[in-house]
C-alpha atoms as a PDB file:
ATOM      1  CA  MET A   1      -6.057   5.121  11.189  1.00  0.00           C
ATOM      2  CA  SER A   2      -6.893   8.834  11.141  1.00  0.00           C
ATOM      3  CA  LEU A   3     -10.418  10.240  11.003  1.00  0.00           C
ATOM      4  CA  THR A   4      -9.830  11.206   7.392  1.00  0.00           C
ATOM      5  CA  GLN A   5      -8.594   7.792   6.449  1.00  0.00           C
ATOM      6  CA  ASP A   6     -11.571   6.112   8.220  1.00  0.00           C
ATOM      7  CA  ALA A   7     -14.039   8.385   6.452  1.00  0.00           C
ATOM      8  CA  CYS A   8     -12.368   7.883   3.073  1.00  0.00           C
ATOM      9  CA  GLU A   9     -12.242   4.066   3.365  1.00  0.00           C
ATOM     10  CA  ARG A  10     -15.975   3.872   4.486  1.00  0.00           C
ATOM     11  CA  LEU A  11     -17.088   6.132   1.717  1.00  0.00           C
ATOM     12  CA  ARG A  12     -14.877   4.310  -0.830  1.00  0.00           C
ATOM     13  CA  GLU A  13     -16.349   0.970   0.214  1.00  0.00           C
ATOM     14  CA  ALA A  14     -19.925   2.318   0.017  1.00  0.00           C
ATOM     15  CA  ILE A  15     -19.345   3.760  -3.494  1.00  0.00           C
ATOM     16  CA  VAL A  16     -17.534   0.842  -4.936  1.00  0.00           C
ATOM     17  CA  SER A  17     -20.042  -1.676  -3.521  1.00  0.00           C
ATOM     18  CA  GLY A  18     -22.917   0.324  -5.079  1.00  0.00           C
ATOM     19  CA  LYS A  19     -24.556   1.338  -1.806  1.00  0.00           C
ATOM     20  CA  PHE A  20     -24.190   4.938  -2.926  1.00  0.00           C
ATOM     21  CA  GLU A  21     -25.432   5.283  -6.537  1.00  0.00           C
ATOM     22  CA  PHE A  22     -23.726   6.834  -9.503  1.00  0.00           C
ATOM     23  CA  GLY A  23     -24.483  10.590  -9.561  1.00  0.00           C
ATOM     24  CA  GLU A  24     -25.747  10.626  -5.999  1.00  0.00           C
ATOM     25  CA  ARG A  25     -25.100  13.774  -4.020  1.00  0.00           C
ATOM     26  CA  LEU A  26     -23.062  13.221  -0.855  1.00  0.00           C
ATOM     27  CA  SER A  27     -23.844  15.449   2.062  1.00  0.00           C
ATOM     28  CA  GLU A  28     -20.769  16.498   4.031  1.00  0.00           C
ATOM     29  CA  GLU A  29     -22.878  17.340   7.057  1.00  0.00           C
ATOM     30  CA  GLN A  30     -24.953  14.196   7.016  1.00  0.00           C
ATOM     31  CA  ILE A  31     -21.910  11.928   6.609  1.00  0.00           C
ATOM     32  CA  ALA A  32     -20.108  13.723   9.437  1.00  0.00           C
ATOM     33  CA  ARG A  33     -23.033  13.031  11.710  1.00  0.00           C
ATOM     34  CA  ALA A  34     -23.239   9.412  10.635  1.00  0.00           C
ATOM     35  CA  LEU A  35     -19.519   8.904  11.324  1.00  0.00           C
ATOM     36  CA  GLY A  36     -19.563  10.855  14.591  1.00  0.00           C
ATOM     37  CA  MET A  37     -16.881  13.370  13.497  1.00  0.00           C
ATOM     38  CA  SER A  38     -16.552  16.969  12.378  1.00  0.00           C
ATOM     39  CA  LYS A  39     -16.935  18.010   8.744  1.00  0.00           C
ATOM     40  CA  ALA A  40     -13.244  18.640   8.294  1.00  0.00           C
ATOM     41  CA  PRO A  41     -12.060  14.992   7.946  1.00  0.00           C
ATOM     42  CA  VAL A  42     -15.097  14.279   5.673  1.00  0.00           C
ATOM     43  CA  ARG A  43     -14.130  17.256   3.481  1.00  0.00           C
ATOM     44  CA  ALA A  44     -10.524  15.907   3.296  1.00  0.00           C
ATOM     45  CA  ALA A  45     -11.835  12.402   2.497  1.00  0.00           C
ATOM     46  CA  PHE A  46     -13.875  13.857  -0.427  1.00  0.00           C
ATOM     47  CA  MET A  47     -10.616  15.249  -1.858  1.00  0.00           C
ATOM     48  CA  ASP A  48      -8.945  11.835  -1.589  1.00  0.00           C
ATOM     49  CA  LEU A  49     -11.958  10.237  -3.245  1.00  0.00           C
ATOM     50  CA  ARG A  50     -11.795  12.694  -6.024  1.00  0.00           C
ATOM     51  CA  ASP A  51      -8.178  11.722  -6.621  1.00  0.00           C
ATOM     52  CA  MET A  52      -9.286   8.083  -6.788  1.00  0.00           C
ATOM     53  CA  GLY A  53     -11.829   8.981  -9.495  1.00  0.00           C
ATOM     54  CA  LEU A  54     -14.796   8.129  -7.309  1.00  0.00           C
ATOM     55  CA  VAL A  55     -16.426  11.496  -6.765  1.00  0.00           C
ATOM     56  CA  THR A  56     -16.805  14.805  -8.613  1.00  0.00           C
ATOM     57  CA  ILE A  57     -16.624  18.049  -6.542  1.00  0.00           C
ATOM     58  CA  VAL A  58     -18.710  20.768  -8.146  1.00  0.00           C
ATOM     59  CA  PRO A  59     -18.038  24.286  -6.778  1.00  0.00           C
ATOM     60  CA  GLN A  60     -21.109  25.855  -5.188  1.00  0.00           C
ATOM     61  CA  ALA A  61     -23.094  22.690  -5.893  1.00  0.00           C
ATOM     62  CA  GLY A  62     -21.687  19.839  -3.820  1.00  0.00           C
ATOM     63  CA  THR A  63     -19.925  16.515  -4.043  1.00  0.00           C
ATOM     64  CA  TYR A  64     -21.363  13.692  -6.252  1.00  0.00           C
ATOM     65  CA  VAL A  65     -20.551  10.109  -6.830  1.00  0.00           C
ATOM     66  CA  VAL A  66     -18.905   9.944 -10.195  1.00  0.00           C
ATOM     67  CA  THR A  67     -20.877   8.840 -13.282  1.00  0.00           C
ATOM     68  CA  PRO A  68     -18.359   7.576 -15.854  1.00  0.00           C
ATOM     69  CA  SER A  69     -19.162   8.208 -19.491  1.00  0.00           C
ATOM     70  CA  ARG A  70     -19.134   5.455 -22.125  1.00  0.00           C
ATOM     71  CA  GLN A  71     -15.802   6.846 -23.311  1.00  0.00           C
ATOM     72  CA  ASP A  72     -14.377   6.724 -19.791  1.00  0.00           C
ATOM     73  CA  VAL A  73     -15.372   3.098 -19.354  1.00  0.00           C
ATOM     74  CA  GLU A  74     -13.865   2.169 -22.732  1.00  0.00           C
ATOM     75  CA  ALA A  75     -10.530   3.898 -21.962  1.00  0.00           C
ATOM     76  CA  MET A  76     -10.271   2.572 -18.437  1.00  0.00           C
ATOM     77  CA  SER A  77     -11.079  -1.041 -19.340  1.00  0.00           C
ATOM     78  CA  ARG A  78      -8.574  -1.145 -22.223  1.00  0.00           C
ATOM     79  CA  PHE A  79      -5.906   0.430 -19.915  1.00  0.00           C
ATOM     80  CA  ARG A  80      -6.711  -2.298 -17.323  1.00  0.00           C
ATOM     81  CA  ALA A  81      -6.537  -5.038 -19.928  1.00  0.00           C
ATOM     82  CA  MET A  82      -3.112  -3.898 -21.099  1.00  0.00           C
ATOM     83  CA  LEU A  83      -1.764  -3.835 -17.520  1.00  0.00           C
ATOM     84  CA  GLU A  84      -3.280  -7.139 -16.414  1.00  0.00           C
ATOM     85  CA  ARG A  85      -2.048  -8.936 -19.595  1.00  0.00           C
ATOM     86  CA  GLU A  86       1.476  -7.717 -18.888  1.00  0.00           C
ATOM     87  CA  ALA A  87       1.179  -8.760 -15.208  1.00  0.00           C
ATOM     88  CA  LEU A  88      -0.150 -12.188 -16.230  1.00  0.00           C
ATOM     89  CA  ASP A  89       2.722 -12.778 -18.643  1.00  0.00           C
ATOM     90  CA  THR A  90       5.259 -11.865 -15.880  1.00  0.00           C
ATOM     91  CA  ALA A  91       3.499 -13.967 -13.265  1.00  0.00           C
ATOM     92  CA  LEU A  92       3.374 -16.971 -15.566  1.00  0.00           C
ATOM     93  CA  ALA A  93       7.150 -16.685 -16.264  1.00  0.00           C
ATOM     94  CA  ARG A  94       7.899 -16.429 -12.559  1.00  0.00           C
ATOM     95  CA  ASP A  95       5.764 -19.092 -10.925  1.00  0.00           C
ATOM     96  CA  PRO A  96       2.478 -20.297 -12.455  1.00  0.00           C
ATOM     97  CA  ASP A  97       1.852 -22.771  -9.574  1.00  0.00           C
ATOM     98  CA  ALA A  98       2.032 -19.948  -7.026  1.00  0.00           C
ATOM     99  CA  LEU A  99      -0.332 -17.962  -9.109  1.00  0.00           C
ATOM    100  CA  VAL A 100      -2.811 -20.869  -9.224  1.00  0.00           C
ATOM    101  CA  HIS A 101      -2.600 -21.052  -5.450  1.00  0.00           C
ATOM    102  CA  ARG A 102      -3.427 -17.372  -5.069  1.00  0.00           C
ATOM    103  CA  LEU A 103      -6.317 -17.597  -7.532  1.00  0.00           C
ATOM    104  CA  ASN A 104      -7.739 -20.562  -5.682  1.00  0.00           C
ATOM    105  CA  GLY A 105      -8.009 -18.448  -2.514  1.00  0.00           C
ATOM    106  CA  ALA A 106      -9.978 -15.788  -4.277  1.00  0.00           C
ATOM    107  CA  ILE A 107     -12.217 -18.350  -6.002  1.00  0.00           C
ATOM    108  CA  SER A 108     -13.054 -19.768  -2.560  1.00  0.00           C
ATOM    109  CA  GLN A 109     -14.150 -16.338  -1.413  1.00  0.00           C
ATOM    110  CA  MET A 110     -16.301 -16.018  -4.537  1.00  0.00           C
ATOM    111  CA  GLN A 111     -17.924 -19.356  -3.879  1.00  0.00           C
ATOM    112  CA  HIS A 112     -18.736 -18.311  -0.351  1.00  0.00           C
ATOM    113  CA  ALA A 113     -20.302 -15.017  -1.614  1.00  0.00           C
ATOM    114  CA  ILE A 114     -22.464 -17.023  -3.985  1.00  0.00           C
ATOM    115  CA  ASP A 115     -23.475 -19.476  -1.246  1.00  0.00           C
ATOM    116  CA  VAL A 116     -24.656 -16.629   1.015  1.00  0.00           C
ATOM    117  CA  GLY A 117     -26.094 -14.582  -1.884  1.00  0.00           C
ATOM    118  CA  GLU A 118     -24.069 -11.458  -1.170  1.00  0.00           C
ATOM    119  CA  TRP A 119     -22.972  -9.773  -4.433  1.00  0.00           C
ATOM    120  CA  TRP A 120     -20.901  -7.149  -2.655  1.00  0.00           C
ATOM    121  CA  LEU A 121     -18.797  -9.938  -1.089  1.00  0.00           C
ATOM    122  CA  TYR A 122     -18.413 -11.339  -4.520  1.00  0.00           C
ATOM    123  CA  SER A 123     -17.178  -7.986  -5.747  1.00  0.00           C
ATOM    124  CA  ARG A 124     -14.505  -7.968  -3.036  1.00  0.00           C
ATOM    125  CA  ALA A 125     -13.413 -11.458  -4.057  1.00  0.00           C
ATOM    126  CA  ASP A 126     -13.347 -10.497  -7.718  1.00  0.00           C
ATOM    127  CA  SER A 127     -11.020  -7.617  -6.909  1.00  0.00           C
ATOM    128  CA  ALA A 128      -8.804  -9.926  -4.849  1.00  0.00           C
ATOM    129  CA  TYR A 129      -8.533 -12.352  -7.778  1.00  0.00           C
ATOM    130  CA  HIS A 130      -7.321  -9.641 -10.203  1.00  0.00           C
ATOM    131  CA  ARG A 131      -5.123  -8.088  -7.531  1.00  0.00           C
ATOM    132  CA  ALA A 132      -3.423 -11.452  -7.129  1.00  0.00           C
ATOM    133  CA  ILE A 133      -2.393 -11.408 -10.813  1.00  0.00           C
ATOM    134  CA  LEU A 134      -0.822  -7.979 -10.257  1.00  0.00           C
ATOM    135  CA  GLN A 135       0.945  -8.936  -7.095  1.00  0.00           C
ATOM    136  CA  MET A 136       2.332 -12.174  -8.461  1.00  0.00           C
ATOM    137  CA  ALA A 137       4.020 -10.218 -11.264  1.00  0.00           C
ATOM    138  CA  GLY A 138       6.257  -8.600  -8.584  1.00  0.00           C
ATOM    139  CA  ASN A 139       6.278  -5.266 -10.290  1.00  0.00           C
ATOM    140  CA  ARG A 140       5.168  -2.432  -7.970  1.00  0.00           C
ATOM    141  CA  TYR A 141       4.990   0.010 -10.875  1.00  0.00           C
ATOM    142  CA  LEU A 142       2.384  -2.094 -12.568  1.00  0.00           C
ATOM    143  CA  GLU A 143       0.366  -2.031  -9.388  1.00  0.00           C
ATOM    144  CA  LYS A 144       0.709   1.764  -9.071  1.00  0.00           C
ATOM    145  CA  ALA A 145      -0.472   2.194 -12.668  1.00  0.00           C
ATOM    146  CA  TYR A 146      -3.350  -0.202 -12.035  1.00  0.00           C
ATOM    147  CA  ASP A 147      -4.476   1.801  -9.024  1.00  0.00           C
ATOM    148  CA  LEU A 148      -5.181   4.807 -11.218  1.00  0.00           C
ATOM    149  CA  THR A 149      -8.466   3.157 -12.415  1.00  0.00           C
ATOM    150  CA  ALA A 150      -8.911   0.288  -9.961  1.00  0.00           C
ATOM    151  CA  ASN A 151     -11.582   1.882  -7.717  1.00  0.00           C
ATOM    152  CA  ALA A 152     -13.672   3.221 -10.599  1.00  0.00           C
ATOM    153  CA  LEU A 153     -13.608  -0.051 -12.503  1.00  0.00           C
ATOM    154  CA  GLU A 154     -14.353  -2.022  -9.264  1.00  0.00           C
ATOM    155  CA  ALA A 155     -17.484   0.224  -8.858  1.00  0.00           C
ATOM    156  CA  LEU A 156     -18.571  -0.496 -12.430  1.00  0.00           C
ATOM    157  CA  ARG A 157     -18.111  -4.244 -12.156  1.00  0.00           C
ATOM    158  CA  ALA A 158     -19.966  -4.317  -8.834  1.00  0.00           C
ATOM    159  CA  ARG A 159     -22.959  -2.758 -10.489  1.00  0.00           C
ATOM    160  CA  LEU A 160     -22.900  -5.366 -13.229  1.00  0.00           C
ATOM    161  CA  GLN A 161     -22.680  -8.195 -10.680  1.00  0.00           C
ATOM    162  CA  SER A 162     -25.633  -6.858  -8.757  1.00  0.00           C
ATOM    163  CA  GLY A 163     -27.802  -6.239 -11.832  1.00  0.00           C
ATOM    164  CA  GLU A 164     -29.971  -8.392 -14.048  1.00  0.00           C
ATOM    165  CA  GLY A 165     -28.669 -11.045 -16.418  1.00  0.00           C
ATOM    166  CA  ASN A 166     -25.963 -13.646 -15.962  1.00  0.00           C
ATOM    167  CA  PHE A 167     -22.904 -11.432 -15.466  1.00  0.00           C
ATOM    168  CA  TRP A 168     -22.276 -12.830 -11.988  1.00  0.00           C
ATOM    169  CA  SER A 169     -22.413 -16.475 -13.089  1.00  0.00           C
ATOM    170  CA  ARG A 170     -20.436 -15.833 -16.223  1.00  0.00           C
ATOM    171  CA  SER A 171     -17.820 -13.936 -14.243  1.00  0.00           C
ATOM    172  CA  PHE A 172     -17.378 -16.790 -11.757  1.00  0.00           C
ATOM    173  CA  ALA A 173     -17.129 -19.417 -14.581  1.00  0.00           C
ATOM    174  CA  GLU A 174     -14.481 -17.344 -16.360  1.00  0.00           C
ATOM    175  CA  HIS A 175     -12.399 -16.953 -13.159  1.00  0.00           C
ATOM    176  CA  ILE A 176     -12.423 -20.726 -12.718  1.00  0.00           C
ATOM    177  CA  GLU A 177     -11.603 -21.362 -16.394  1.00  0.00           C
ATOM    178  CA  LEU A 178      -8.669 -18.860 -16.275  1.00  0.00           C
ATOM    179  CA  ARG A 179      -7.329 -20.661 -13.175  1.00  0.00           C
ATOM    180  CA  ASP A 180      -7.610 -24.032 -14.923  1.00  0.00           C
ATOM    181  CA  LEU A 181      -5.877 -22.781 -18.110  1.00  0.00           C
ATOM    182  CA  VAL A 182      -2.939 -21.569 -16.038  1.00  0.00           C
ATOM    183  CA  ALA A 183      -2.776 -24.854 -14.149  1.00  0.00           C
ATOM    184  CA  ARG A 184      -2.736 -26.779 -17.528  1.00  0.00           C
ATOM    185  CA  ARG A 185      -0.049 -24.442 -18.841  1.00  0.00           C
ATOM    186  CA  GLU A 186      -2.372 -23.281 -21.629  1.00  0.00           C
ATOM    187  CA  PHE A 187      -0.948 -19.784 -21.351  1.00  0.00           C
ATOM    188  CA  GLU A 188      -2.056 -18.290 -24.653  1.00  0.00           C
ATOM    189  CA  ALA A 189      -5.639 -19.317 -24.069  1.00  0.00           C
ATOM    190  CA  ALA A 190      -5.364 -17.787 -20.564  1.00  0.00           C
ATOM    191  CA  ARG A 191      -4.198 -14.480 -21.978  1.00  0.00           C
ATOM    192  CA  ALA A 192      -7.024 -14.378 -24.499  1.00  0.00           C
ATOM    193  CA  LEU A 193      -9.624 -15.206 -21.831  1.00  0.00           C
ATOM    194  CA  LEU A 194      -8.346 -12.552 -19.461  1.00  0.00           C
ATOM    195  CA  GLN A 195      -8.617  -9.923 -22.240  1.00  0.00           C
ATOM    196  CA  GLU A 196     -12.196 -10.933 -23.031  1.00  0.00           C
ATOM    197  CA  HIS A 197     -13.122 -11.107 -19.347  1.00  0.00           C
ATOM    198  CA  ILE A 198     -12.001  -7.556 -18.766  1.00  0.00           C
ATOM    199  CA  LEU A 199     -13.368  -5.925 -21.959  1.00  0.00           C
ATOM    200  CA  ILE A 200     -16.853  -7.450 -21.682  1.00  0.00           C
ATOM    201  CA  ILE A 201     -17.746  -4.486 -19.493  1.00  0.00           C
ATOM    202  CA  ASN A 202     -17.812  -2.326 -22.634  1.00  0.00           C
ATOM    203  CA  ARG A 203     -20.669  -4.396 -24.024  1.00  0.00           C
ATOM    204  CA  SER A 204     -22.597  -5.103 -20.838  1.00  0.00           C
ATOM    205  CA  LEU A 205     -22.825  -1.957 -18.743  1.00  0.00           C
ATOM    206  CA  SER A 206     -25.812   0.390 -18.888  1.00  0.00           C
ATOM    207  CA  LEU A 207     -24.801   3.812 -17.603  1.00  0.00           C
ATOM    208  CA  PRO A 208     -27.159   6.239 -15.784  1.00  0.00           C
ATOM    209  CA  GLU A 209     -27.980   9.833 -16.625  1.00  0.00           C
ATOM    210  CA  THR A 210     -24.933  12.118 -16.668  1.00  0.00           C
ATOM    211  CA  ASP A 211     -26.579  15.529 -16.958  1.00  0.00           C
ATOM    212  CA  PRO A 212     -25.678  17.610 -13.787  1.00  0.00           C
ATOM    213  CA  GLN A 213     -29.138  19.026 -13.430  1.00  0.00           C
ATOM    214  CA  ALA A 214     -30.760  15.580 -13.517  1.00  0.00           C
ATOM    215  CA  ARG A 215     -28.122  14.388 -11.055  1.00  0.00           C
ATOM    216  CA  GLN A 216     -29.011  17.095  -8.474  1.00  0.00           C
ATOM    217  CA  LYS A 217     -32.652  15.984  -8.494  1.00  0.00           C
ATOM    218  CA  GLY A 218     -31.720  12.528  -7.255  1.00  0.00           C
ATOM    219  CA  LYS A 219     -33.014  10.994  -4.086  1.00  0.00           C
ATOM    220  CA  ARG A 220     -31.946  12.218  -0.690  1.00  0.00           C
ATOM    221  CA  ARG A 221     -31.155   9.621   1.961  1.00  0.00           C
ATOM    222  CA  SER A 222     -32.348   9.826   5.505  1.00  0.00           C
ATOM    223  CA  ASP A 223     -29.800  10.059   8.310  1.00  0.00           C
ATOM    224  CA  GLN A 224     -30.606   6.522   9.320  1.00  0.00           C
ATOM    225  CA  GLU A 225     -29.926   5.171   5.789  1.00  0.00           C
ATOM    226  CA  CYS A 226     -26.623   7.008   5.717  1.00  0.00           C
ATOM    227  CA  LEU A 227     -25.669   5.622   9.110  1.00  0.00           C
ATOM    228  CA  GLU A 228     -26.537   1.996   8.102  1.00  0.00           C
ATOM    229  CA  ILE A 229     -24.411   2.291   4.910  1.00  0.00           C
ATOM    230  CA  LEU A 230     -21.350   3.779   6.579  1.00  0.00           C
ATOM    231  CA  SER A 231     -21.415   1.599   9.710  1.00  0.00           C
ATOM    232  CA  ALA A 232     -21.046  -1.621   7.786  1.00  0.00           C
ATOM    233  CA  PRO A 233     -17.842  -3.570   8.604  1.00  0.00           C
ATOM    234  CA  LEU A 234     -14.860  -2.691   6.391  1.00  0.00           C
ATOM    235  CA  ALA A 235     -13.108  -5.322   4.280  1.00  0.00           C
ATOM    236  CA  PRO A 236     -10.254  -6.946   6.144  1.00  0.00           C
END
């Protein structure tokens, strides 16, 4: 893995998991120090993260974790629902039993995250669950289209799962129910539940301030905080 790839993946993980907040300014110099590298690979990583939809680069102002608008969330979630429903239909036609097996693995990871009380681990397992549906469809173009919004939506759902309310418990229950519907061959009910499960984000998410001036006044992290965030083990 190159230095740019390492920086990009560590920053991606920190943003998606919610360790870096929406609208937070990212210091190229501070991140380079924390990762023990020059600023050049960090700068290149920022460009990659921009292409993933995770940061905004403002000329003469800096790089900021993206803050999606309500309209962005609506458009992304509907796009995701459309792709996942198509993937589910194809996976069900190909091998529903194999799909159930893959979903069981992700559910086990979710249960472990709940048992240890780590919502960021739950977020990883949630992503693995939905990725399994895409992969079982066997259509690489569906996956490529899904990747256009996957990181930004993962970041949004991670913030819901770590917040107040019962989103975490409801999410887990729906993942189990969807698996059970597929196992019982109740495919139409499974399709309807998947759609509702994805689109609930439009009704549940509270978005932060999006004004650029307010964003620049956000908190500044210490070098030690930055080091602790970026030195966490990466997902396998």
